[in-house]
Amino acid sequence: MDVIDADTDLEQLMRRWHHITEYSTAAWTEFQSLCDALPASDARVAAAQERWRSAERQRMELLAAIEEIEEASAA
């Protein structure tokens, strides 16, 4: 991968990371609101928690990919 491709990939990954971070924050807020309003056994609480966890997993995967590209660029 040449420098231009690495920069482009890094920029795309950083944009995706930014968007998924915003989504994760919104999912967390929704989950917390539902926790405050509904019993923990409610399926909507579980669904909101899974959306948040999924977004967090995606965010961490993107962050790992970004770090990998940055380390390769520094080498």
Protein backbone atom coordinates (compact mmCIF):
# COMPACT_ATOMS: atom_id res chain seq x y z
CA MET A 1 0.00 0.00 0.00
CA ASP A 2 1.49 3.33 -0.95
CA VAL A 3 1.30 6.53 1.09
CA ILE A 4 -1.68 7.98 -0.80
CA ASP A 5 -3.73 4.82 -0.30
CA ALA A 6 -2.81 4.69 3.38
CA ASP A 7 -3.82 8.34 3.86
CA THR A 8 -7.12 7.78 2.05
CA ASP A 9 -7.86 4.63 4.04
CA LEU A 10 -6.96 6.38 7.27
CA GLU A 11 -9.20 9.34 6.48
CA GLN A 12 -12.11 7.04 5.63
CA LEU A 13 -11.62 5.01 8.78
CA MET A 14 -11.42 8.15 10.90
CA ARG A 15 -14.68 9.45 9.39
CA ARG A 16 -16.36 6.11 10.06
CA TRP A 17 -14.95 6.10 13.61
CA HIS A 18 -16.33 9.60 14.20
CA HIS A 19 -19.79 8.59 12.95
CA ILE A 20 -19.91 5.35 14.94
CA THR A 21 -18.76 7.25 18.05
CA GLU A 22 -21.70 9.62 17.63
CA TYR A 23 -24.04 6.68 17.08
CA SER A 24 -22.65 4.87 20.12
CA THR A 25 -23.18 7.96 22.26
CA ALA A 26 -26.78 8.22 21.07
CA ALA A 27 -27.33 4.50 21.67
CA TRP A 28 -25.91 4.85 25.19
CA THR A 29 -28.21 7.79 25.90
CA GLU A 30 -31.22 5.83 24.63
CA PHE A 31 -30.24 2.81 26.73
CA GLN A 32 -29.86 4.92 29.87
CA SER A 33 -33.20 6.64 29.26
CA LEU A 34 -34.93 3.30 28.86
CA CYS A 35 -33.22 1.97 32.00
CA ASP A 36 -34.62 4.93 33.92
CA ALA A 37 -38.13 4.49 32.54
CA LEU A 38 -38.62 0.73 32.18
CA PRO A 39 -37.89 -2.39 34.18
CA ALA A 40 -34.65 -4.18 33.27
CA SER A 41 -36.66 -7.17 32.06
CA ASP A 42 -38.28 -5.13 29.27
CA ALA A 43 -37.17 -6.27 25.81
CA ARG A 44 -36.67 -2.67 24.70
CA VAL A 45 -33.99 -2.20 27.34
CA ALA A 46 -32.17 -5.33 26.16
CA ALA A 47 -32.44 -4.25 22.51
CA ALA A 48 -31.09 -0.79 23.30
CA GLN A 49 -28.23 -2.29 25.28
CA GLU A 50 -27.35 -4.58 22.36
CA ARG A 51 -27.37 -1.63 19.93
CA TRP A 52 -24.99 0.24 22.21
CA ARG A 53 -22.70 -2.78 22.68
CA SER A 54 -22.64 -3.43 18.94
CA ALA A 55 -21.74 0.19 18.24
CA GLU A 56 -18.98 0.04 20.85
CA ARG A 57 -17.56 -3.14 19.28
CA GLN A 58 -17.54 -1.46 15.87
CA ARG A 59 -15.93 1.65 17.33
CA MET A 60 -13.15 -0.38 18.94
CA GLU A 61 -12.55 -2.37 15.73
CA LEU A 62 -12.24 0.86 13.76
CA LEU A 63 -9.89 2.32 16.36
CA ALA A 64 -7.68 -0.77 16.13
CA ALA A 65 -7.60 -0.49 12.32
CA ILE A 66 -6.71 3.21 12.56
CA GLU A 67 -3.89 2.47 15.00
CA GLU A 68 -2.59 -0.28 12.72
CA ILE A 69 -2.41 2.09 9.73
CA GLU A 70 -0.79 4.81 11.83
CA GLU A 71 1.85 2.39 13.13
CA ALA A 72 2.56 1.13 9.60
CA SER A 73 2.91 4.71 8.36
CA ALA A 74 5.32 5.55 11.17
CA ALA A 75 7.54 2.57 10.39
